Amino acid sequence: MVSPGIRPGHGDAIPQDDQKRVATAYQAILDGADHVVVGRPIRNAPDPLVMVKFIQQQIATAVAERQRLREI
């Protein structure tokens, strides 16, 4: 499953955002996404590399949590 509309934090809709529903990468992965689409939060970030690393950390945390929940 592919999840677009990824934002760094809940409620972080971009002004005049065309995404009706947004989610964090963490929440999207926990909700079953296999892939996330992140565009403007990276492109518009003051330091895009910092944003990429932040979202990668959200993904890694969610993947570990999803695995832990499967083992219960």
PDB file of N, CA and C in Angstrom:
ATOM      1  N   MET A   1       0.846  -1.157   0.000  1.00  0.00           N
ATOM      2  CA  MET A   1       0.000   0.000   0.000  1.00  0.00           C
ATOM      3  C   MET A   1       0.903   1.236   0.000  1.00  0.00           C
ATOM      4  N   VAL A   2       0.526   2.220  -0.795  1.00  0.00           N
ATOM      5  CA  VAL A   2       1.261   3.478  -0.890  1.00  0.00           C
ATOM      6  C   VAL A   2       0.451   4.566  -0.200  1.00  0.00           C
ATOM      7  N   SER A   3       1.105   5.344   0.645  1.00  0.00           N
ATOM      8  CA  SER A   3       0.419   6.410   1.375  1.00  0.00           C
ATOM      9  C   SER A   3       1.021   7.771   1.022  1.00  0.00           C
ATOM     10  N   PRO A   4       0.273   8.605   0.293  1.00  0.00           N
ATOM     11  CA  PRO A   4       0.735   9.971   0.034  1.00  0.00           C
ATOM     12  C   PRO A   4       0.342  10.891   1.188  1.00  0.00           C
ATOM     13  N   GLY A   5       0.697  12.145   1.083  1.00  0.00           N
ATOM     14  CA  GLY A   5       0.277  13.121   2.092  1.00  0.00           C
ATOM     15  C   GLY A   5       1.024  12.999   3.397  1.00  0.00           C
ATOM     16  N   ILE A   6       2.272  12.555   3.336  1.00  0.00           N
ATOM     17  CA  ILE A   6       3.057  12.388   4.550  1.00  0.00           C
ATOM     18  C   ILE A   6       3.580  13.747   5.000  1.00  0.00           C
ATOM     19  N   ARG A   7       3.398  14.024   6.273  1.00  0.00           N
ATOM     20  CA  ARG A   7       3.856  15.267   6.886  1.00  0.00           C
ATOM     21  C   ARG A   7       4.675  14.919   8.124  1.00  0.00           C
ATOM     22  N   PRO A   8       5.575  15.819   8.548  1.00  0.00           N
ATOM     23  CA  PRO A   8       6.459  15.503   9.677  1.00  0.00           C
ATOM     24  C   PRO A   8       5.732  15.249  10.993  1.00  0.00           C
ATOM     25  N   GLY A   9       4.628  15.955  11.239  1.00  0.00           N
ATOM     26  CA  GLY A   9       3.887  15.774  12.480  1.00  0.00           C
ATOM     27  C   GLY A   9       2.413  15.962  12.240  1.00  0.00           C
ATOM     28  N   HIS A  10       1.574  15.426  13.144  1.00  0.00           N
ATOM     29  CA  HIS A  10       0.122  15.571  12.988  1.00  0.00           C
ATOM     30  C   HIS A  10      -0.261  17.036  12.946  1.00  0.00           C
ATOM     31  N   GLY A  11      -1.169  17.356  12.058  1.00  0.00           N
ATOM     32  CA  GLY A  11      -1.646  18.719  11.942  1.00  0.00           C
ATOM     33  C   GLY A  11      -0.689  19.636  11.213  1.00  0.00           C
ATOM     34  N   ASP A  12       0.354  19.060  10.606  1.00  0.00           N
ATOM     35  CA  ASP A  12       1.333  19.877   9.901  1.00  0.00           C
ATOM     36  C   ASP A  12       0.961  20.086   8.443  1.00  0.00           C
ATOM     37  N   ALA A  13      -0.295  20.303   8.187  1.00  0.00           N
ATOM     38  CA  ALA A  13      -0.704  20.567   6.808  1.00  0.00           C
ATOM     39  C   ALA A  13       0.013  21.822   6.327  1.00  0.00           C
ATOM     40  N   ILE A  14       0.438  21.767   5.110  1.00  0.00           N
ATOM     41  CA  ILE A  14       1.115  22.900   4.496  1.00  0.00           C
ATOM     42  C   ILE A  14       0.052  23.923   4.100  1.00  0.00           C
ATOM     43  N   PRO A  15       0.288  25.225   4.337  1.00  0.00           N
ATOM     44  CA  PRO A  15      -0.717  26.216   3.932  1.00  0.00           C
ATOM     45  C   PRO A  15      -1.140  26.007   2.476  1.00  0.00           C
ATOM     46  N   GLN A  16      -2.415  26.079   2.241  1.00  0.00           N
ATOM     47  CA  GLN A  16      -3.002  25.837   0.921  1.00  0.00           C
ATOM     48  C   GLN A  16      -2.641  24.440   0.412  1.00  0.00           C
ATOM     49  N   ASP A  17      -2.592  23.502   1.343  1.00  0.00           N
ATOM     50  CA  ASP A  17      -2.257  22.113   1.038  1.00  0.00           C
ATOM     51  C   ASP A  17      -3.381  21.481   0.233  1.00  0.00           C
ATOM     52  N   ASP A  18      -3.036  20.760  -0.814  1.00  0.00           N
ATOM     53  CA  ASP A  18      -4.064  20.090  -1.610  1.00  0.00           C
ATOM     54  C   ASP A  18      -4.369  18.690  -1.078  1.00  0.00           C
ATOM     55  N   GLN A  19      -3.685  18.270  -0.036  1.00  0.00           N
ATOM     56  CA  GLN A  19      -3.946  16.967   0.567  1.00  0.00           C
ATOM     57  C   GLN A  19      -5.078  17.105   1.577  1.00  0.00           C
ATOM     58  N   LYS A  20      -6.134  16.340   1.378  1.00  0.00           N
ATOM     59  CA  LYS A  20      -7.266  16.407   2.305  1.00  0.00           C
ATOM     60  C   LYS A  20      -6.966  15.663   3.603  1.00  0.00           C
ATOM     61  N   ARG A  21      -6.196  14.574   3.482  1.00  0.00           N
ATOM     62  CA  ARG A  21      -5.826  13.799   4.669  1.00  0.00           C
ATOM     63  C   ARG A  21      -4.310  13.675   4.691  1.00  0.00           C
ATOM     64  N   VAL A  22      -3.732  13.980   5.820  1.00  0.00           N
ATOM     65  CA  VAL A  22      -2.290  13.846   5.977  1.00  0.00           C
ATOM     66  C   VAL A  22      -2.015  12.955   7.184  1.00  0.00           C
ATOM     67  N   ALA A  23      -0.833  12.368   7.204  1.00  0.00           N
ATOM     68  CA  ALA A  23      -0.418  11.515   8.318  1.00  0.00           C
ATOM     69  C   ALA A  23       1.093  11.592   8.441  1.00  0.00           C
ATOM     70  N   THR A  24       1.580  11.211   9.596  1.00  0.00           N
ATOM     71  CA  THR A  24       3.027  11.076   9.744  1.00  0.00           C
ATOM     72  C   THR A  24       3.451   9.771   9.081  1.00  0.00           C
ATOM     73  N   ALA A  25       4.727   9.671   8.761  1.00  0.00           N
ATOM     74  CA  ALA A  25       5.244   8.417   8.215  1.00  0.00           C
ATOM     75  C   ALA A  25       5.041   7.296   9.229  1.00  0.00           C
ATOM     76  N   TYR A  26       5.247   7.603  10.492  1.00  0.00           N
ATOM     77  CA  TYR A  26       5.059   6.621  11.560  1.00  0.00           C
ATOM     78  C   TYR A  26       3.640   6.052  11.532  1.00  0.00           C
ATOM     79  N   GLN A  27       2.649   6.932  11.519  1.00  0.00           N
ATOM     80  CA  GLN A  27       1.261   6.473  11.550  1.00  0.00           C
ATOM     81  C   GLN A  27       0.894   5.723  10.281  1.00  0.00           C
ATOM     82  N   ALA A  28       1.365   6.193   9.138  1.00  0.00           N
ATOM     83  CA  ALA A  28       1.059   5.520   7.874  1.00  0.00           C
ATOM     84  C   ALA A  28       1.593   4.088   7.874  1.00  0.00           C
ATOM     85  N   ILE A  29       2.815   3.894   8.349  1.00  0.00           N
ATOM     86  CA  ILE A  29       3.400   2.549   8.406  1.00  0.00           C
ATOM     87  C   ILE A  29       2.615   1.679   9.384  1.00  0.00           C
ATOM     88  N   LEU A  30       2.287   2.216  10.554  1.00  0.00           N
ATOM     89  CA  LEU A  30       1.498   1.434  11.515  1.00  0.00           C
ATOM     90  C   LEU A  30       0.131   1.068  10.953  1.00  0.00           C
ATOM     91  N   ASP A  31      -0.421   1.934  10.120  1.00  0.00           N
ATOM     92  CA  ASP A  31      -1.735   1.681   9.524  1.00  0.00           C
ATOM     93  C   ASP A  31      -1.669   0.748   8.319  1.00  0.00           C
ATOM     94  N   GLY A  32      -0.466   0.267   7.968  1.00  0.00           N
ATOM     95  CA  GLY A  32      -0.349  -0.735   6.924  1.00  0.00           C
ATOM     96  C   GLY A  32       0.336  -0.310   5.648  1.00  0.00           C
ATOM     97  N   ALA A  33       0.797   0.918   5.557  1.00  0.00           N
ATOM     98  CA  ALA A  33       1.482   1.360   4.340  1.00  0.00           C
ATOM     99  C   ALA A  33       2.803   0.620   4.183  1.00  0.00           C
ATOM    100  N   ASP A  34       3.100   0.255   2.947  1.00  0.00           N
ATOM    101  CA  ASP A  34       4.396  -0.338   2.618  1.00  0.00           C
ATOM    102  C   ASP A  34       5.345   0.724   2.074  1.00  0.00           C
ATOM    103  N   HIS A  35       4.766   1.786   1.517  1.00  0.00           N
ATOM    104  CA  HIS A  35       5.531   2.885   0.927  1.00  0.00           C
ATOM    105  C   HIS A  35       4.875   4.193   1.330  1.00  0.00           C
ATOM    106  N   VAL A  36       5.685   5.217   1.539  1.00  0.00           N
ATOM    107  CA  VAL A  36       5.152   6.548   1.816  1.00  0.00           C
ATOM    108  C   VAL A  36       5.677   7.509   0.757  1.00  0.00           C
ATOM    109  N   VAL A  37       4.861   8.488   0.425  1.00  0.00           N
ATOM    110  CA  VAL A  37       5.231   9.498  -0.563  1.00  0.00           C
ATOM    111  C   VAL A  37       5.427  10.816   0.182  1.00  0.00           C
ATOM    112  N   VAL A  38       6.641  11.323   0.125  1.00  0.00           N
ATOM    113  CA  VAL A  38       6.967  12.571   0.810  1.00  0.00           C
ATOM    114  C   VAL A  38       7.569  13.516  -0.225  1.00  0.00           C
ATOM    115  N   GLY A  39       6.935  14.645  -0.424  1.00  0.00           N
ATOM    116  CA  GLY A  39       7.444  15.594  -1.411  1.00  0.00           C
ATOM    117  C   GLY A  39       7.755  16.938  -0.790  1.00  0.00           C
ATOM    118  N   ARG A  40       6.717  17.741  -0.646  1.00  0.00           N
ATOM    119  CA  ARG A  40       6.896  19.122  -0.181  1.00  0.00           C
ATOM    120  C   ARG A  40       7.564  19.263   1.180  1.00  0.00           C
ATOM    121  N   PRO A  41       7.295  18.397   2.152  1.00  0.00           N
ATOM    122  CA  PRO A  41       7.993  18.577   3.431  1.00  0.00           C
ATOM    123  C   PRO A  41       9.517  18.507   3.282  1.00  0.00           C
ATOM    124  N   ILE A  42       9.995  17.721   2.325  1.00  0.00           N
ATOM    125  CA  ILE A  42      11.438  17.648   2.080  1.00  0.00           C
ATOM    126  C   ILE A  42      11.871  18.814   1.197  1.00  0.00           C
ATOM    127  N   ARG A  43      11.168  19.007   0.103  1.00  0.00           N
ATOM    128  CA  ARG A  43      11.529  20.067  -0.845  1.00  0.00           C
ATOM    129  C   ARG A  43      11.525  21.444  -0.189  1.00  0.00           C
ATOM    130  N   ASN A  44      10.561  21.703   0.685  1.00  0.00           N
ATOM    131  CA  ASN A  44      10.418  23.027   1.286  1.00  0.00           C
ATOM    132  C   ASN A  44      11.141  23.190   2.621  1.00  0.00           C
ATOM    133  N   ALA A  45      11.780  22.150   3.092  1.00  0.00           N
ATOM    134  CA  ALA A  45      12.469  22.225   4.388  1.00  0.00           C
ATOM    135  C   ALA A  45      13.692  23.140   4.296  1.00  0.00           C
ATOM    136  N   PRO A  46      13.980  23.871   5.361  1.00  0.00           N
ATOM    137  CA  PRO A  46      15.201  24.691   5.373  1.00  0.00           C
ATOM    138  C   PRO A  46      16.448  23.836   5.137  1.00  0.00           C
ATOM    139  N   ASP A  47      16.441  22.621   5.691  1.00  0.00           N
ATOM    140  CA  ASP A  47      17.536  21.672   5.477  1.00  0.00           C
ATOM    141  C   ASP A  47      16.910  20.333   5.080  1.00  0.00           C
ATOM    142  N   PRO A  48      16.785  20.071   3.773  1.00  0.00           N
ATOM    143  CA  PRO A  48      16.116  18.847   3.319  1.00  0.00           C
ATOM    144  C   PRO A  48      16.720  17.562   3.884  1.00  0.00           C
ATOM    145  N   LEU A  49      18.033  17.527   4.050  1.00  0.00           N
ATOM    146  CA  LEU A  49      18.658  16.310   4.573  1.00  0.00           C
ATOM    147  C   LEU A  49      18.211  16.025   6.006  1.00  0.00           C
ATOM    148  N   VAL A  50      18.075  17.055   6.811  1.00  0.00           N
ATOM    149  CA  VAL A  50      17.579  16.875   8.182  1.00  0.00           C
ATOM    150  C   VAL A  50      16.161  16.310   8.145  1.00  0.00           C
ATOM    151  N   MET A  51      15.333  16.823   7.243  1.00  0.00           N
ATOM    152  CA  MET A  51      13.952  16.326   7.130  1.00  0.00           C
ATOM    153  C   MET A  51      13.937  14.866   6.681  1.00  0.00           C
ATOM    154  N   VAL A  52      14.776  14.511   5.712  1.00  0.00           N
ATOM    155  CA  VAL A  52      14.847  13.116   5.255  1.00  0.00           C
ATOM    156  C   VAL A  52      15.221  12.206   6.419  1.00  0.00           C
ATOM    157  N   LYS A  53      16.214  12.591   7.181  1.00  0.00           N
ATOM    158  CA  LYS A  53      16.644  11.761   8.315  1.00  0.00           C
ATOM    159  C   LYS A  53      15.547  11.640   9.367  1.00  0.00           C
ATOM    160  N   PHE A  54      14.822  12.731   9.601  1.00  0.00           N
ATOM    161  CA  PHE A  54      13.721  12.704  10.566  1.00  0.00           C
ATOM    162  C   PHE A  54      12.636  11.724  10.120  1.00  0.00           C
ATOM    163  N   ILE A  55      12.257  11.782   8.857  1.00  0.00           N
ATOM    164  CA  ILE A  55      11.213  10.889   8.342  1.00  0.00           C
ATOM    165  C   ILE A  55      11.713   9.450   8.299  1.00  0.00           C
ATOM    166  N   GLN A  56      12.981   9.249   7.962  1.00  0.00           N
ATOM    167  CA  GLN A  56      13.548   7.896   7.998  1.00  0.00           C
ATOM    168  C   GLN A  56      13.467   7.318   9.408  1.00  0.00           C
ATOM    169  N   GLN A  57      13.708   8.144  10.405  1.00  0.00           N
ATOM    170  CA  GLN A  57      13.624   7.671  11.791  1.00  0.00           C
ATOM    171  C   GLN A  57      12.192   7.289  12.145  1.00  0.00           C
ATOM    172  N   GLN A  58      11.221   8.087  11.697  1.00  0.00           N
ATOM    173  CA  GLN A  58       9.817   7.739  11.928  1.00  0.00           C
ATOM    174  C   GLN A  58       9.495   6.382  11.297  1.00  0.00           C
ATOM    175  N   ILE A  59       9.983   6.175  10.083  1.00  0.00           N
ATOM    176  CA  ILE A  59       9.722   4.914   9.381  1.00  0.00           C
ATOM    177  C   ILE A  59      10.362   3.752  10.133  1.00  0.00           C
ATOM    178  N   ALA A  60      11.618   3.895  10.523  1.00  0.00           N
ATOM    179  CA  ALA A  60      12.314   2.820  11.237  1.00  0.00           C
ATOM    180  C   ALA A  60      11.617   2.483  12.551  1.00  0.00           C
ATOM    181  N   THR A  61      11.187   3.496  13.271  1.00  0.00           N
ATOM    182  CA  THR A  61      10.483   3.277  14.535  1.00  0.00           C
ATOM    183  C   THR A  61       9.166   2.545  14.301  1.00  0.00           C
ATOM    184  N   ALA A  62       8.441   2.945  13.272  1.00  0.00           N
ATOM    185  CA  ALA A  62       7.151   2.310  12.975  1.00  0.00           C
ATOM    186  C   ALA A  62       7.327   0.870  12.516  1.00  0.00           C
ATOM    187  N   VAL A  63       8.341   0.608  11.703  1.00  0.00           N
ATOM    188  CA  VAL A  63       8.588  -0.765  11.244  1.00  0.00           C
ATOM    189  C   VAL A  63       8.907  -1.654  12.445  1.00  0.00           C
ATOM    190  N   ALA A  64       9.729  -1.170  13.357  1.00  0.00           N
ATOM    191  CA  ALA A  64      10.055  -1.948  14.560  1.00  0.00           C
ATOM    192  C   ALA A  64       8.812  -2.182  15.412  1.00  0.00           C
ATOM    193  N   GLU A  65       7.988  -1.155  15.560  1.00  0.00           N
ATOM    194  CA  GLU A  65       6.755  -1.289  16.346  1.00  0.00           C
ATOM    195  C   GLU A  65       5.794  -2.270  15.684  1.00  0.00           C
ATOM    196  N   ARG A  66       5.674  -2.190  14.371  1.00  0.00           N
ATOM    197  CA  ARG A  66       4.779  -3.107  13.653  1.00  0.00           C
ATOM    198  C   ARG A  66       5.250  -4.549  13.825  1.00  0.00           C
ATOM    199  N   GLN A  67       6.561  -4.756  13.761  1.00  0.00           N
ATOM    200  CA  GLN A  67       7.113  -6.093  13.961  1.00  0.00           C
ATOM    201  C   GLN A  67       6.847  -6.572  15.387  1.00  0.00           C
ATOM    202  N   ARG A  68       7.031  -5.689  16.362  1.00  0.00           N
ATOM    203  CA  ARG A  68       6.791  -6.054  17.760  1.00  0.00           C
ATOM    204  C   ARG A  68       5.336  -6.450  17.972  1.00  0.00           C
ATOM    205  N   LEU A  69       4.422  -5.713  17.366  1.00  0.00           N
ATOM    206  CA  LEU A  69       2.994  -6.017  17.510  1.00  0.00           C
ATOM    207  C   LEU A  69       2.629  -7.353  16.865  1.00  0.00           C
ATOM    208  N   ARG A  70       3.311  -7.714  15.799  1.00  0.00           N
ATOM    209  CA  ARG A  70       3.051  -9.013  15.148  1.00  0.00           C
ATOM    210  C   ARG A  70       3.493 -10.173  16.023  1.00  0.00           C
ATOM    211  N   GLU A  71       4.495  -9.932  16.853  1.00  0.00           N
ATOM    212  CA  GLU A  71       5.049 -11.000  17.685  1.00  0.00           C
ATOM    213  C   GLU A  71       4.245 -11.232  18.959  1.00  0.00           C
ATOM    214  N   ILE A  72       3.323 -10.347  19.257  1.00  0.00           N
ATOM    215  CA  ILE A  72       2.520 -10.488  20.483  1.00  0.00           C
ATOM    216  C   ILE A  72       1.473 -11.557  20.293  1.00  0.00           C
TER     217      ILE A  72
END
